[in-house]
Amino acid sequence: MLVAKDKIKTNIGEYFLYMFQIEDLIRACNFNKSIIESNLVAQYQTDANTKNEIKEWYFGLTDLMEEEKLNISGHLSTIIHKINEVFDFHLYLLKNKDYTEYLNKYKEILPILQDLKPKQGNDINDVETIINTIYGVYLLKLKKHEITKETLDSTSLLSRFMATLSKMFREYEIGELKIE
């Protein structure tokens, strides 16, 4: 909860990655609130009120995931909605002649996206494709799988692009970057 509150305000790309991880942790706990409390909530060293807020946040996410039937895979509708909002912003930047540097960075990753889309589903937007890829490589690293240099290089490009998009989205949200 504490990290999510910070990341949604400061770095939307990191927020998505964090929330994907939280969803997987809830699944790993088999949606069992006792396990969630002992394995996830207990790790926070904070006062009782904050710890209770954290517990309620995890439990609320658990309930939402069960309601949305995300027991095996998928992402909360609130996260998908936010991804779509960032994608709409991304499309605006691509179409606006004032952001040619952004367009050039996008052209750099476009071949990677074109390769990934058929593998992830052509109905998934660019932002979700990027986040899925970065998160997928992160999981492979955790599992100590061998990852090719090409995959690492591609993921690095996608990460840098997402960092740029996140920074611009933050500027937009706080009013430093105006859109029409």
C-alpha atoms as a PDB file:
ATOM      1  CA  MET A   1       0.000   0.000   0.000  1.00  0.00           C
ATOM      2  CA  LEU A   2       2.708   2.473   0.967  1.00  0.00           C
ATOM      3  CA  VAL A   3       4.776   1.739  -2.130  1.00  0.00           C
ATOM      4  CA  ALA A   4       1.706   1.718  -4.383  1.00  0.00           C
ATOM      5  CA  LYS A   5       0.583   5.128  -3.067  1.00  0.00           C
ATOM      6  CA  ASP A   6       4.013   6.562  -3.796  1.00  0.00           C
ATOM      7  CA  LYS A   7       4.521   4.909  -7.192  1.00  0.00           C
ATOM      8  CA  ILE A   8       1.138   5.873  -8.635  1.00  0.00           C
ATOM      9  CA  LYS A   9       2.076   9.509  -7.979  1.00  0.00           C
ATOM     10  CA  THR A  10       5.749   9.421  -8.951  1.00  0.00           C
ATOM     11  CA  ASN A  11       6.368   6.681 -11.548  1.00  0.00           C
ATOM     12  CA  ILE A  12       3.396   5.020 -13.217  1.00  0.00           C
ATOM     13  CA  GLY A  13       5.512   2.360 -14.939  1.00  0.00           C
ATOM     14  CA  GLU A  14       6.956   1.217 -11.619  1.00  0.00           C
ATOM     15  CA  TYR A  15       3.439   1.299 -10.148  1.00  0.00           C
ATOM     16  CA  PHE A  16       2.228  -1.174 -12.786  1.00  0.00           C
ATOM     17  CA  LEU A  17       5.172  -3.499 -12.165  1.00  0.00           C
ATOM     18  CA  TYR A  18       4.633  -3.304  -8.406  1.00  0.00           C
ATOM     19  CA  MET A  19       0.933  -4.062  -8.699  1.00  0.00           C
ATOM     20  CA  PHE A  20       1.570  -7.013 -11.039  1.00  0.00           C
ATOM     21  CA  GLN A  21       3.899  -8.352  -8.343  1.00  0.00           C
ATOM     22  CA  ILE A  22       1.304  -7.794  -5.595  1.00  0.00           C
ATOM     23  CA  GLU A  23      -1.312  -9.675  -7.641  1.00  0.00           C
ATOM     24  CA  ASP A  24       1.108 -12.591  -8.025  1.00  0.00           C
ATOM     25  CA  LEU A  25       1.924 -12.561  -4.310  1.00  0.00           C
ATOM     26  CA  ILE A  26      -1.776 -12.739  -3.468  1.00  0.00           C
ATOM     27  CA  ARG A  27      -2.111 -15.685  -5.860  1.00  0.00           C
ATOM     28  CA  ALA A  28       0.944 -17.337  -4.278  1.00  0.00           C
ATOM     29  CA  CYS A  29      -0.853 -17.053  -0.916  1.00  0.00           C
ATOM     30  CA  ASN A  30      -3.859 -18.801  -2.512  1.00  0.00           C
ATOM     31  CA  PHE A  31      -6.059 -15.831  -1.565  1.00  0.00           C
ATOM     32  CA  ASN A  32      -5.799 -16.997   2.050  1.00  0.00           C
ATOM     33  CA  LYS A  33      -6.007 -13.891   4.222  1.00  0.00           C
ATOM     34  CA  SER A  34      -4.227 -15.542   7.150  1.00  0.00           C
ATOM     35  CA  ILE A  35      -1.264 -16.371   4.923  1.00  0.00           C
ATOM     36  CA  ILE A  36      -1.354 -12.884   3.408  1.00  0.00           C
ATOM     37  CA  GLU A  37      -1.330 -11.360   6.865  1.00  0.00           C
ATOM     38  CA  SER A  38       1.522 -13.518   8.159  1.00  0.00           C
ATOM     39  CA  ASN A  39       3.674 -13.451   5.010  1.00  0.00           C
ATOM     40  CA  LEU A  40       2.990 -10.040   3.468  1.00  0.00           C
ATOM     41  CA  VAL A  41       1.554  -7.685   6.078  1.00  0.00           C
ATOM     42  CA  ALA A  42       3.774  -8.837   8.954  1.00  0.00           C
ATOM     43  CA  GLN A  43       6.930  -7.718   7.126  1.00  0.00           C
ATOM     44  CA  TYR A  44       6.023  -4.037   7.549  1.00  0.00           C
ATOM     45  CA  GLN A  45       7.678  -2.405  10.537  1.00  0.00           C
ATOM     46  CA  THR A  46       5.182   0.346  11.332  1.00  0.00           C
ATOM     47  CA  ASP A  47       2.627   1.457  13.879  1.00  0.00           C
ATOM     48  CA  ALA A  48      -0.562  -0.547  14.502  1.00  0.00           C
ATOM     49  CA  ASN A  49      -2.862   1.844  12.605  1.00  0.00           C
ATOM     50  CA  THR A  50      -0.706   1.837   9.476  1.00  0.00           C
ATOM     51  CA  LYS A  51      -0.266  -1.935   9.668  1.00  0.00           C
ATOM     52  CA  ASN A  52      -4.048  -2.303   9.864  1.00  0.00           C
ATOM     53  CA  GLU A  53      -4.444  -0.053   6.795  1.00  0.00           C
ATOM     54  CA  ILE A  54      -1.922  -2.209   4.942  1.00  0.00           C
ATOM     55  CA  LYS A  55      -3.779  -5.363   5.958  1.00  0.00           C
ATOM     56  CA  GLU A  56      -7.098  -3.926   4.792  1.00  0.00           C
ATOM     57  CA  TRP A  57      -5.483  -2.866   1.498  1.00  0.00           C
ATOM     58  CA  TYR A  58      -4.205  -6.401   0.848  1.00  0.00           C
ATOM     59  CA  PHE A  59      -7.539  -7.908   1.872  1.00  0.00           C
ATOM     60  CA  GLY A  60      -9.424  -5.470  -0.369  1.00  0.00           C
ATOM     61  CA  LEU A  61      -7.214  -6.399  -3.330  1.00  0.00           C
ATOM     62  CA  THR A  62      -7.739 -10.065  -2.528  1.00  0.00           C
ATOM     63  CA  ASP A  63     -11.521  -9.625  -2.537  1.00  0.00           C
ATOM     64  CA  LEU A  64     -11.418  -7.649  -5.804  1.00  0.00           C
ATOM     65  CA  MET A  65      -9.236 -10.240  -7.487  1.00  0.00           C
ATOM     66  CA  GLU A  66     -11.638 -12.984  -6.438  1.00  0.00           C
ATOM     67  CA  GLU A  67     -14.643 -10.949  -7.628  1.00  0.00           C
ATOM     68  CA  GLU A  68     -12.959 -10.360 -10.979  1.00  0.00           C
ATOM     69  CA  LYS A  69     -11.997 -14.054 -11.205  1.00  0.00           C
ATOM     70  CA  LEU A  70      -8.278 -13.380 -11.373  1.00  0.00           C
ATOM     71  CA  ASN A  71      -7.333 -16.488  -9.409  1.00  0.00           C
ATOM     72  CA  ILE A  72      -4.946 -17.811 -12.075  1.00  0.00           C
ATOM     73  CA  SER A  73      -3.967 -14.810 -14.170  1.00  0.00           C
ATOM     74  CA  GLY A  74      -4.968 -11.360 -15.328  1.00  0.00           C
ATOM     75  CA  HIS A  75      -4.947  -7.938 -13.765  1.00  0.00           C
ATOM     76  CA  LEU A  76      -7.415  -5.892 -11.775  1.00  0.00           C
ATOM     77  CA  SER A  77      -9.741  -3.749 -13.877  1.00  0.00           C
ATOM     78  CA  THR A  78      -8.521  -0.631 -12.039  1.00  0.00           C
ATOM     79  CA  ILE A  79      -4.959  -1.356 -13.163  1.00  0.00           C
ATOM     80  CA  ILE A  80      -6.048  -2.084 -16.743  1.00  0.00           C
ATOM     81  CA  HIS A  81      -8.036   1.173 -16.723  1.00  0.00           C
ATOM     82  CA  LYS A  82      -4.921   3.097 -15.628  1.00  0.00           C
ATOM     83  CA  ILE A  83      -2.818   1.317 -18.275  1.00  0.00           C
ATOM     84  CA  ASN A  84      -5.376   2.388 -20.875  1.00  0.00           C
ATOM     85  CA  GLU A  85      -5.241   5.961 -19.581  1.00  0.00           C
ATOM     86  CA  VAL A  86      -1.450   5.994 -19.976  1.00  0.00           C
ATOM     87  CA  PHE A  87      -1.839   4.418 -23.441  1.00  0.00           C
ATOM     88  CA  ASP A  88      -4.227   7.207 -24.474  1.00  0.00           C
ATOM     89  CA  PHE A  89      -1.641   9.726 -23.275  1.00  0.00           C
ATOM     90  CA  HIS A  90       1.026   7.834 -25.251  1.00  0.00           C
ATOM     91  CA  LEU A  91      -1.122   8.062 -28.403  1.00  0.00           C
ATOM     92  CA  TYR A  92      -1.566  11.796 -27.850  1.00  0.00           C
ATOM     93  CA  LEU A  93       2.218  12.259 -27.632  1.00  0.00           C
ATOM     94  CA  LEU A  94       2.741  10.236 -30.818  1.00  0.00           C
ATOM     95  CA  LYS A  95       0.262  12.376 -32.763  1.00  0.00           C
ATOM     96  CA  ASN A  96       1.431  15.759 -31.464  1.00  0.00           C
ATOM     97  CA  LYS A  97       4.160  17.429 -33.540  1.00  0.00           C
ATOM     98  CA  ASP A  98       5.605  19.036 -30.398  1.00  0.00           C
ATOM     99  CA  TYR A  99       6.869  15.653 -29.205  1.00  0.00           C
ATOM    100  CA  THR A 100       9.078  14.471 -32.072  1.00  0.00           C
ATOM    101  CA  GLU A 101      11.774  13.275 -29.646  1.00  0.00           C
ATOM    102  CA  TYR A 102       9.185  11.019 -28.017  1.00  0.00           C
ATOM    103  CA  LEU A 103       8.094   9.758 -31.450  1.00  0.00           C
ATOM    104  CA  ASN A 104      11.725   8.975 -32.308  1.00  0.00           C
ATOM    105  CA  LYS A 105      12.134   6.977 -29.094  1.00  0.00           C
ATOM    106  CA  TYR A 106       8.944   5.098 -29.962  1.00  0.00           C
ATOM    107  CA  LYS A 107      10.247   4.299 -33.453  1.00  0.00           C
ATOM    108  CA  GLU A 108      13.319   2.797 -31.784  1.00  0.00           C
ATOM    109  CA  ILE A 109      11.199   0.266 -29.853  1.00  0.00           C
ATOM    110  CA  LEU A 110       8.570  -0.302 -32.541  1.00  0.00           C
ATOM    111  CA  PRO A 111      10.312  -3.368 -34.060  1.00  0.00           C
ATOM    112  CA  ILE A 112      10.433  -4.936 -30.592  1.00  0.00           C
ATOM    113  CA  LEU A 113       6.723  -4.253 -30.058  1.00  0.00           C
ATOM    114  CA  GLN A 114       5.882  -5.666 -33.493  1.00  0.00           C
ATOM    115  CA  ASP A 115       7.711  -8.848 -32.531  1.00  0.00           C
ATOM    116  CA  LEU A 116       6.033  -9.085 -29.106  1.00  0.00           C
ATOM    117  CA  LYS A 117       2.430  -8.266 -30.023  1.00  0.00           C
ATOM    118  CA  PRO A 118       1.615 -11.574 -31.780  1.00  0.00           C
ATOM    119  CA  LYS A 119       3.089 -13.462 -28.808  1.00  0.00           C
ATOM    120  CA  GLN A 120       1.098 -11.521 -26.187  1.00  0.00           C
ATOM    121  CA  GLY A 121      -2.030 -10.857 -28.198  1.00  0.00           C
ATOM    122  CA  ASN A 122      -2.584  -8.189 -30.797  1.00  0.00           C
ATOM    123  CA  ASP A 123      -5.453  -6.742 -28.745  1.00  0.00           C
ATOM    124  CA  ILE A 124      -3.048  -5.653 -25.983  1.00  0.00           C
ATOM    125  CA  ASN A 125      -1.943  -2.022 -26.257  1.00  0.00           C
ATOM    126  CA  ASP A 126       1.673  -0.853 -26.387  1.00  0.00           C
ATOM    127  CA  VAL A 127       1.866   0.121 -22.711  1.00  0.00           C
ATOM    128  CA  GLU A 128       0.555  -3.236 -21.502  1.00  0.00           C
ATOM    129  CA  THR A 129       2.882  -5.052 -23.911  1.00  0.00           C
ATOM    130  CA  ILE A 130       5.859  -3.145 -22.503  1.00  0.00           C
ATOM    131  CA  ILE A 131       4.867  -3.742 -18.873  1.00  0.00           C
ATOM    132  CA  ASN A 132       4.132  -7.441 -19.526  1.00  0.00           C
ATOM    133  CA  THR A 133       7.551  -7.853 -21.124  1.00  0.00           C
ATOM    134  CA  ILE A 134       9.504  -6.073 -18.405  1.00  0.00           C
ATOM    135  CA  TYR A 135       7.626  -7.998 -15.709  1.00  0.00           C
ATOM    136  CA  GLY A 136       8.058 -11.296 -17.549  1.00  0.00           C
ATOM    137  CA  VAL A 137      11.824 -10.839 -17.779  1.00  0.00           C
ATOM    138  CA  TYR A 138      11.888  -9.860 -14.097  1.00  0.00           C
ATOM    139  CA  LEU A 139      10.141 -13.154 -13.245  1.00  0.00           C
ATOM    140  CA  LEU A 140      12.591 -15.109 -15.396  1.00  0.00           C
ATOM    141  CA  LYS A 141      15.489 -13.503 -13.518  1.00  0.00           C
ATOM    142  CA  LEU A 142      13.894 -14.419 -10.175  1.00  0.00           C
ATOM    143  CA  LYS A 143      13.590 -18.017 -11.335  1.00  0.00           C
ATOM    144  CA  LYS A 144      17.237 -17.886 -12.455  1.00  0.00           C
ATOM    145  CA  HIS A 145      16.342 -18.765 -16.051  1.00  0.00           C
ATOM    146  CA  GLU A 146      18.873 -18.044 -18.733  1.00  0.00           C
ATOM    147  CA  ILE A 147      17.968 -14.894 -20.643  1.00  0.00           C
ATOM    148  CA  THR A 148      19.538 -14.072 -23.983  1.00  0.00           C
ATOM    149  CA  LYS A 149      21.515 -10.888 -24.506  1.00  0.00           C
ATOM    150  CA  GLU A 150      19.019  -9.920 -27.220  1.00  0.00           C
ATOM    151  CA  THR A 151      16.125 -10.208 -24.758  1.00  0.00           C
ATOM    152  CA  LEU A 152      17.996  -8.225 -22.111  1.00  0.00           C
ATOM    153  CA  ASP A 153      18.903  -5.519 -24.642  1.00  0.00           C
ATOM    154  CA  SER A 154      15.314  -5.304 -25.906  1.00  0.00           C
ATOM    155  CA  THR A 155      13.948  -5.163 -22.376  1.00  0.00           C
ATOM    156  CA  SER A 156      16.423  -2.427 -21.514  1.00  0.00           C
ATOM    157  CA  LEU A 157      15.183  -0.336 -24.462  1.00  0.00           C
ATOM    158  CA  LEU A 158      11.576  -0.923 -23.417  1.00  0.00           C
ATOM    159  CA  SER A 159      12.412   0.041 -19.824  1.00  0.00           C
ATOM    160  CA  ARG A 160      14.043   3.292 -20.900  1.00  0.00           C
ATOM    161  CA  PHE A 161      11.055   4.099 -23.098  1.00  0.00           C
ATOM    162  CA  MET A 162       8.641   3.357 -20.244  1.00  0.00           C
ATOM    163  CA  ALA A 163      10.717   5.582 -17.952  1.00  0.00           C
ATOM    164  CA  THR A 164      10.354   8.432 -20.462  1.00  0.00           C
ATOM    165  CA  LEU A 165       6.613   7.861 -20.780  1.00  0.00           C
ATOM    166  CA  SER A 166       6.242   7.665 -16.984  1.00  0.00           C
ATOM    167  CA  LYS A 167       8.132  10.925 -16.522  1.00  0.00           C
ATOM    168  CA  MET A 168       5.996  12.704 -19.115  1.00  0.00           C
ATOM    169  CA  PHE A 169       2.794  11.251 -17.645  1.00  0.00           C
ATOM    170  CA  ARG A 170       3.849  12.526 -14.214  1.00  0.00           C
ATOM    171  CA  GLU A 171       4.488  15.983 -15.678  1.00  0.00           C
ATOM    172  CA  TYR A 172       1.046  15.868 -17.279  1.00  0.00           C
ATOM    173  CA  GLU A 173      -0.649  14.834 -14.028  1.00  0.00           C
ATOM    174  CA  ILE A 174       0.930  17.633 -11.995  1.00  0.00           C
ATOM    175  CA  GLY A 175       0.174  20.212 -14.691  1.00  0.00           C
ATOM    176  CA  GLU A 176       3.697  20.809 -15.993  1.00  0.00           C
ATOM    177  CA  LEU A 177       2.880  19.303 -19.386  1.00  0.00           C
ATOM    178  CA  LYS A 178      -0.295  20.649 -20.949  1.00  0.00           C
ATOM    179  CA  ILE A 179      -2.305  18.732 -23.538  1.00  0.00           C
ATOM    180  CA  GLU A 180      -5.221  19.949 -25.575  1.00  0.00           C
END
